[in-house]
């Protein structure tokens, strides 16, 4: 389950960066926080895609095994 933990971490960091951007009073700090937010969200998207691909791969392996055992 490490990967879902990674996803949760990335989403939490994106939310933190969003909150920091919302409270920033200086433009350059707000911009830096928005860039950080975008980077964390990109990592979260990649982690979510990896989880979906892994789940699909496991499902396909289970179906193949079941069809082999049914023969």
PDB file of N, CA and C in Angstrom:
ATOM      1  N   UNK A   1       0.802  -1.202   0.000  1.00  0.00           N
ATOM      2  CA  UNK A   1       0.000   0.000   0.000  1.00  0.00           C
ATOM      3  C   UNK A   1       0.848   1.271   0.000  1.00  0.00           C
ATOM      4  N   UNK A   2       2.111   1.153  -0.198  1.00  0.00           N
ATOM      5  CA  UNK A   2       2.983   2.325  -0.165  1.00  0.00           C
ATOM      6  C   UNK A   2       2.535   3.380  -1.163  1.00  0.00           C
ATOM      7  N   UNK A   3       2.065   2.952  -2.308  1.00  0.00           N
ATOM      8  CA  UNK A   3       1.753   3.913  -3.356  1.00  0.00           C
ATOM      9  C   UNK A   3       0.530   4.755  -3.028  1.00  0.00           C
ATOM     10  N   UNK A   4      -0.466   4.180  -2.371  1.00  0.00           N
ATOM     11  CA  UNK A   4      -1.604   5.010  -1.977  1.00  0.00           C
ATOM     12  C   UNK A   4      -1.174   5.989  -0.896  1.00  0.00           C
ATOM     13  N   UNK A   5      -0.213   5.592  -0.062  1.00  0.00           N
ATOM     14  CA  UNK A   5       0.334   6.508   0.936  1.00  0.00           C
ATOM     15  C   UNK A   5       1.072   7.644   0.241  1.00  0.00           C
ATOM     16  N   UNK A   6       1.822   7.330  -0.808  1.00  0.00           N
ATOM     17  CA  UNK A   6       2.497   8.364  -1.594  1.00  0.00           C
ATOM     18  C   UNK A   6       1.468   9.340  -2.169  1.00  0.00           C
ATOM     19  N   UNK A   7       0.397   8.802  -2.726  1.00  0.00           N
ATOM     20  CA  UNK A   7      -0.647   9.639  -3.311  1.00  0.00           C
ATOM     21  C   UNK A   7      -1.224  10.572  -2.252  1.00  0.00           C
ATOM     22  N   UNK A   8      -1.527  10.037  -1.089  1.00  0.00           N
ATOM     23  CA  UNK A   8      -2.071  10.860  -0.011  1.00  0.00           C
ATOM     24  C   UNK A   8      -1.073  11.953   0.388  1.00  0.00           C
ATOM     25  N   UNK A   9       0.209  11.607   0.443  1.00  0.00           N
ATOM     26  CA  UNK A   9       1.239  12.580   0.789  1.00  0.00           C
ATOM     27  C   UNK A   9       1.287  13.701  -0.246  1.00  0.00           C
ATOM     28  N   UNK A  10       1.289  13.330  -1.530  1.00  0.00           N
ATOM     29  CA  UNK A  10       1.343  14.327  -2.600  1.00  0.00           C
ATOM     30  C   UNK A  10       0.128  15.253  -2.548  1.00  0.00           C
ATOM     31  N   UNK A  11      -1.041  14.682  -2.323  1.00  0.00           N
ATOM     32  CA  UNK A  11      -2.249  15.501  -2.251  1.00  0.00           C
ATOM     33  C   UNK A  11      -2.218  16.433  -1.042  1.00  0.00           C
ATOM     34  N   UNK A  12      -1.699  15.942   0.064  1.00  0.00           N
ATOM     35  CA  UNK A  12      -1.591  16.778   1.262  1.00  0.00           C
ATOM     36  C   UNK A  12      -0.624  17.937   1.027  1.00  0.00           C
ATOM     37  N   UNK A  13       0.490  17.654   0.379  1.00  0.00           N
ATOM     38  CA  UNK A  13       1.462  18.721   0.087  1.00  0.00           C
ATOM     39  C   UNK A  13       0.880  19.740  -0.892  1.00  0.00           C
ATOM     40  N   UNK A  14       0.110  19.274  -1.867  1.00  0.00           N
ATOM     41  CA  UNK A  14      -0.531  20.202  -2.809  1.00  0.00           C
ATOM     42  C   UNK A  14      -1.519  21.097  -2.067  1.00  0.00           C
ATOM     43  N   UNK A  15      -2.280  20.512  -1.156  1.00  0.00           N
ATOM     44  CA  UNK A  15      -3.232  21.300  -0.370  1.00  0.00           C
ATOM     45  C   UNK A  15      -2.500  22.308   0.514  1.00  0.00           C
ATOM     46  N   UNK A  16      -1.389  21.892   1.086  1.00  0.00           N
ATOM     47  CA  UNK A  16      -0.603  22.803   1.918  1.00  0.00           C
ATOM     48  C   UNK A  16      -0.085  23.975   1.085  1.00  0.00           C
ATOM     49  N   UNK A  17       0.448  23.679  -0.091  1.00  0.00           N
ATOM     50  CA  UNK A  17       0.962  24.735  -0.961  1.00  0.00           C
ATOM     51  C   UNK A  17      -0.164  25.671  -1.390  1.00  0.00           C
ATOM     52  N   UNK A  18      -1.346  25.107  -1.656  1.00  0.00           N
ATOM     53  CA  UNK A  18      -2.502  25.929  -2.037  1.00  0.00           C
ATOM     54  C   UNK A  18      -2.861  26.876  -0.892  1.00  0.00           C
ATOM     55  N   UNK A  19      -2.889  26.343   0.332  1.00  0.00           N
ATOM     56  CA  UNK A  19      -3.196  27.171   1.484  1.00  0.00           C
ATOM     57  C   UNK A  19      -2.168  28.269   1.692  1.00  0.00           C
ATOM     58  N   UNK A  20      -0.905  27.934   1.509  1.00  0.00           N
ATOM     59  CA  UNK A  20       0.154  28.937   1.646  1.00  0.00           C
ATOM     60  C   UNK A  20       0.033  30.013   0.577  1.00  0.00           C
ATOM     61  N   UNK A  21      -0.344  29.614  -0.623  1.00  0.00           N
ATOM     62  CA  UNK A  21      -0.527  30.592  -1.703  1.00  0.00           C
ATOM     63  C   UNK A  21      -1.698  31.515  -1.390  1.00  0.00           C
ATOM     64  N   UNK A  22      -2.755  30.943  -0.840  1.00  0.00           N
ATOM     65  CA  UNK A  22      -3.935  31.745  -0.521  1.00  0.00           C
ATOM     66  C   UNK A  22      -3.661  32.781   0.555  1.00  0.00           C
ATOM     67  N   UNK A  23      -2.724  32.484   1.445  1.00  0.00           N
ATOM     68  CA  UNK A  23      -2.439  33.415   2.539  1.00  0.00           C
ATOM     69  C   UNK A  23      -1.215  34.294   2.284  1.00  0.00           C
ATOM     70  N   UNK A  24      -0.510  34.042   1.185  1.00  0.00           N
ATOM     71  CA  UNK A  24       0.703  34.816   0.892  1.00  0.00           C
ATOM     72  C   UNK A  24       0.339  36.261   0.554  1.00  0.00           C
ATOM     73  N   UNK A  25       1.138  37.169   1.064  1.00  0.00           N
ATOM     74  CA  UNK A  25       0.898  38.583   0.779  1.00  0.00           C
ATOM     75  C   UNK A  25       1.835  39.102  -0.308  1.00  0.00           C
ATOM     76  N   UNK A  26       2.930  38.416  -0.525  1.00  0.00           N
ATOM     77  CA  UNK A  26       3.885  38.832  -1.553  1.00  0.00           C
ATOM     78  C   UNK A  26       3.641  38.036  -2.837  1.00  0.00           C
ATOM     79  N   UNK A  27       3.667  38.729  -3.948  1.00  0.00           N
ATOM     80  CA  UNK A  27       3.399  38.091  -5.243  1.00  0.00           C
ATOM     81  C   UNK A  27       4.360  36.947  -5.544  1.00  0.00           C
ATOM     82  N   UNK A  28       5.659  37.175  -5.304  1.00  0.00           N
ATOM     83  CA  UNK A  28       6.628  36.132  -5.653  1.00  0.00           C
ATOM     84  C   UNK A  28       6.465  34.899  -4.750  1.00  0.00           C
ATOM     85  N   UNK A  29       6.042  35.080  -3.538  1.00  0.00           N
ATOM     86  CA  UNK A  29       5.788  33.943  -2.644  1.00  0.00           C
ATOM     87  C   UNK A  29       4.545  33.192  -3.114  1.00  0.00           C
ATOM     88  N   UNK A  30       3.519  33.932  -3.478  1.00  0.00           N
ATOM     89  CA  UNK A  30       2.290  33.312  -3.987  1.00  0.00           C
ATOM     90  C   UNK A  30       2.585  32.505  -5.252  1.00  0.00           C
ATOM     91  N   UNK A  31       3.384  33.085  -6.143  1.00  0.00           N
ATOM     92  CA  UNK A  31       3.749  32.392  -7.385  1.00  0.00           C
ATOM     93  C   UNK A  31       4.536  31.119  -7.088  1.00  0.00           C
ATOM     94  N   UNK A  32       5.476  31.211  -6.159  1.00  0.00           N
ATOM     95  CA  UNK A  32       6.270  30.031  -5.797  1.00  0.00           C
ATOM     96  C   UNK A  32       5.368  28.936  -5.225  1.00  0.00           C
ATOM     97  N   UNK A  33       4.422  29.321  -4.396  1.00  0.00           N
ATOM     98  CA  UNK A  33       3.510  28.336  -3.810  1.00  0.00           C
ATOM     99  C   UNK A  33       2.625  27.702  -4.882  1.00  0.00           C
ATOM    100  N   UNK A  34       2.177  28.492  -5.838  1.00  0.00           N
ATOM    101  CA  UNK A  34       1.354  27.945  -6.936  1.00  0.00           C
ATOM    102  C   UNK A  34       2.171  26.963  -7.788  1.00  0.00           C
ATOM    103  N   UNK A  35       3.427  27.285  -8.032  1.00  0.00           N
ATOM    104  CA  UNK A  35       4.286  26.347  -8.783  1.00  0.00           C
ATOM    105  C   UNK A  35       4.489  25.067  -7.990  1.00  0.00           C
ATOM    106  N   UNK A  36       4.678  25.205  -6.696  1.00  0.00           N
ATOM    107  CA  UNK A  36       4.830  24.038  -5.839  1.00  0.00           C
ATOM    108  C   UNK A  36       3.552  23.196  -5.858  1.00  0.00           C
ATOM    109  N   UNK A  37       2.424  23.861  -5.766  1.00  0.00           N
ATOM    110  CA  UNK A  37       1.141  23.165  -5.815  1.00  0.00           C
ATOM    111  C   UNK A  37       1.001  22.378  -7.113  1.00  0.00           C
ATOM    112  N   UNK A  38       1.342  23.002  -8.222  1.00  0.00           N
ATOM    113  CA  UNK A  38       1.238  22.330  -9.524  1.00  0.00           C
ATOM    114  C   UNK A  38       2.160  21.115  -9.588  1.00  0.00           C
ATOM    115  N   UNK A  39       3.356  21.238  -9.039  1.00  0.00           N
ATOM    116  CA  UNK A  39       4.299  20.112  -9.053  1.00  0.00           C
ATOM    117  C   UNK A  39       3.774  18.961  -8.207  1.00  0.00           C
ATOM    118  N   UNK A  40       3.258  19.261  -7.018  1.00  0.00           N
ATOM    119  CA  UNK A  40       2.714  18.199  -6.159  1.00  0.00           C
ATOM    120  C   UNK A  40       1.488  17.551  -6.804  1.00  0.00           C
ATOM    121  N   UNK A  41       0.666  18.347  -7.468  1.00  0.00           N
ATOM    122  CA  UNK A  41      -0.509  17.781  -8.139  1.00  0.00           C
ATOM    123  C   UNK A  41      -0.092  16.887  -9.302  1.00  0.00           C
ATOM    124  N   UNK A  42       0.962  17.258 -10.002  1.00  0.00           N
ATOM    125  CA  UNK A  42       1.461  16.405 -11.094  1.00  0.00           C
ATOM    126  C   UNK A  42       1.966  15.078 -10.540  1.00  0.00           C
ATOM    127  N   UNK A  43       2.675  15.129  -9.422  1.00  0.00           N
ATOM    128  CA  UNK A  43       3.131  13.886  -8.790  1.00  0.00           C
ATOM    129  C   UNK A  43       1.942  13.040  -8.344  1.00  0.00           C
ATOM    130  N   UNK A  44       0.920  13.676  -7.804  1.00  0.00           N
ATOM    131  CA  UNK A  44      -0.280  12.948  -7.376  1.00  0.00           C
ATOM    132  C   UNK A  44      -0.969  12.296  -8.569  1.00  0.00           C
ATOM    133  N   UNK A  45      -1.050  13.017  -9.680  1.00  0.00           N
ATOM    134  CA  UNK A  45      -1.662  12.451 -10.895  1.00  0.00           C
ATOM    135  C   UNK A  45      -0.893  11.221 -11.365  1.00  0.00           C
ATOM    136  N   UNK A  46       0.431  11.302 -11.340  1.00  0.00           N
ATOM    137  CA  UNK A  46       1.253  10.163 -11.765  1.00  0.00           C
ATOM    138  C   UNK A  46       1.073   8.986 -10.818  1.00  0.00           C
ATOM    139  N   UNK A  47       1.009   9.259  -9.517  1.00  0.00           N
ATOM    140  CA  UNK A  47       0.818   8.188  -8.543  1.00  0.00           C
ATOM    141  C   UNK A  47      -0.546   7.526  -8.726  1.00  0.00           C
ATOM    142  N   UNK A  48      -1.567   8.325  -8.960  1.00  0.00           N
ATOM    143  CA  UNK A  48      -2.913   7.776  -9.176  1.00  0.00           C
ATOM    144  C   UNK A  48      -2.947   6.915 -10.437  1.00  0.00           C
ATOM    145  N   UNK A  49      -2.292   7.395 -11.501  1.00  0.00           N
ATOM    146  CA  UNK A  49      -2.242   6.621 -12.754  1.00  0.00           C
ATOM    147  C   UNK A  49      -1.503   5.302 -12.535  1.00  0.00           C
ATOM    148  N   UNK A  50      -0.423   5.333 -11.774  1.00  0.00           N
ATOM    149  CA  UNK A  50       0.330   4.118 -11.483  1.00  0.00           C
ATOM    150  C   UNK A  50      -0.527   3.120 -10.710  1.00  0.00           C
ATOM    151  N   UNK A  51      -1.273   3.611  -9.740  1.00  0.00           N
ATOM    152  CA  UNK A  51      -2.150   2.734  -8.957  1.00  0.00           C
ATOM    153  C   UNK A  51      -3.201   2.103  -9.866  1.00  0.00           C
ATOM    154  N   UNK A  52      -3.820   2.912 -10.733  1.00  0.00           N
ATOM    155  CA  UNK A  52      -4.832   2.371 -11.660  1.00  0.00           C
ATOM    156  C   UNK A  52      -4.229   1.325 -12.581  1.00  0.00           C
ATOM    157  N   UNK A  53      -3.035   1.596 -13.111  1.00  0.00           N
ATOM    158  CA  UNK A  53      -2.387   0.649 -14.017  1.00  0.00           C
ATOM    159  C   UNK A  53      -2.036  -0.645 -13.285  1.00  0.00           C
ATOM    160  N   UNK A  54      -1.551  -0.529 -12.062  1.00  0.00           N
ATOM    161  CA  UNK A  54      -1.200  -1.705 -11.285  1.00  0.00           C
ATOM    162  C   UNK A  54      -2.450  -2.546 -10.987  1.00  0.00           C
ATOM    163  N   UNK A  55      -3.520  -1.878 -10.610  1.00  0.00           N
ATOM    164  CA  UNK A  55      -4.773  -2.589 -10.335  1.00  0.00           C
ATOM    165  C   UNK A  55      -5.286  -3.314 -11.583  1.00  0.00           C
ATOM    166  N   UNK A  56      -5.218  -2.639 -12.723  1.00  0.00           N
ATOM    167  CA  UNK A  56      -5.657  -3.253 -13.976  1.00  0.00           C
ATOM    168  C   UNK A  56      -4.772  -4.448 -14.330  1.00  0.00           C
ATOM    169  N   UNK A  57      -3.481  -4.310 -14.136  1.00  0.00           N
ATOM    170  CA  UNK A  57      -2.551  -5.402 -14.411  1.00  0.00           C
ATOM    171  C   UNK A  57      -2.853  -6.606 -13.512  1.00  0.00           C
ATOM    172  N   UNK A  58      -3.091  -6.358 -12.251  1.00  0.00           N
ATOM    173  CA  UNK A  58      -3.418  -7.435 -11.318  1.00  0.00           C
ATOM    174  C   UNK A  58      -4.736  -8.105 -11.691  1.00  0.00           C
ATOM    175  N   UNK A  59      -5.720  -7.308 -12.125  1.00  0.00           N
ATOM    176  CA  UNK A  59      -7.000  -7.864 -12.549  1.00  0.00           C
ATOM    177  C   UNK A  59      -6.821  -8.765 -13.768  1.00  0.00           C
ATOM    178  N   UNK A  60      -6.022  -8.314 -14.720  1.00  0.00           N
ATOM    179  CA  UNK A  60      -5.785  -9.112 -15.921  1.00  0.00           C
ATOM    180  C   UNK A  60      -5.053 -10.407 -15.586  1.00  0.00           C
ATOM    181  N   UNK A  61      -4.083 -10.335 -14.682  1.00  0.00           N
ATOM    182  CA  UNK A  61      -3.362 -11.542 -14.268  1.00  0.00           C
ATOM    183  C   UNK A  61      -4.309 -12.534 -13.595  1.00  0.00           C
ATOM    184  N   UNK A  62      -5.214 -12.025 -12.771  1.00  0.00           N
ATOM    185  CA  UNK A  62      -6.168 -12.900 -12.084  1.00  0.00           C
ATOM    186  C   UNK A  62      -7.110 -13.554 -13.086  1.00  0.00           C
ATOM    187  N   UNK A  63      -7.557 -12.791 -14.077  1.00  0.00           N
ATOM    188  CA  UNK A  63      -8.436 -13.355 -15.100  1.00  0.00           C
ATOM    189  C   UNK A  63      -7.711 -14.420 -15.908  1.00  0.00           C
ATOM    190  N   UNK A  64      -6.470 -14.176 -16.266  1.00  0.00           N
ATOM    191  CA  UNK A  64      -5.687 -15.154 -17.015  1.00  0.00           C
ATOM    192  C   UNK A  64      -5.493 -16.417 -16.211  1.00  0.00           C
ATOM    193  N   UNK A  65      -5.171 -16.272 -14.939  1.00  0.00           N
ATOM    194  CA  UNK A  65      -4.982 -17.429 -14.073  1.00  0.00           C
ATOM    195  C   UNK A  65      -6.280 -18.219 -13.940  1.00  0.00           C
ATOM    196  N   UNK A  66      -7.391 -17.510 -13.774  1.00  0.00           N
ATOM    197  CA  UNK A  66      -8.687 -18.175 -13.652  1.00  0.00           C
ATOM    198  C   UNK A  66      -9.030 -18.934 -14.934  1.00  0.00           C
ATOM    199  N   UNK A  67      -8.735 -18.348 -16.099  1.00  0.00           N
ATOM    200  CA  UNK A  67      -9.034 -19.032 -17.364  1.00  0.00           C
ATOM    201  C   UNK A  67      -8.129 -20.228 -17.561  1.00  0.00           C
ATOM    202  N   UNK A  68      -6.883 -20.151 -17.099  1.00  0.00           N
ATOM    203  CA  UNK A  68      -5.969 -21.270 -17.196  1.00  0.00           C
ATOM    204  C   UNK A  68      -6.408 -22.402 -16.279  1.00  0.00           C
ATOM    205  N   UNK A  69      -6.860 -22.058 -15.099  1.00  0.00           N
ATOM    206  CA  UNK A  69      -7.311 -23.090 -14.146  1.00  0.00           C
ATOM    207  C   UNK A  69      -8.621 -23.730 -14.584  1.00  0.00           C
ATOM    208  N   UNK A  70      -9.430 -23.005 -15.360  1.00  0.00           N
ATOM    209  CA  UNK A  70     -10.713 -23.532 -15.827  1.00  0.00           C
ATOM    210  C   UNK A  70     -10.537 -24.546 -16.960  1.00  0.00           C
ATOM    211  N   UNK A  71      -9.379 -24.594 -17.553  1.00  0.00           N
ATOM    212  CA  UNK A  71      -9.159 -25.518 -18.691  1.00  0.00           C
ATOM    213  C   UNK A  71      -8.999 -26.932 -18.224  1.00  0.00           C
TER     214      UNK A  71
END
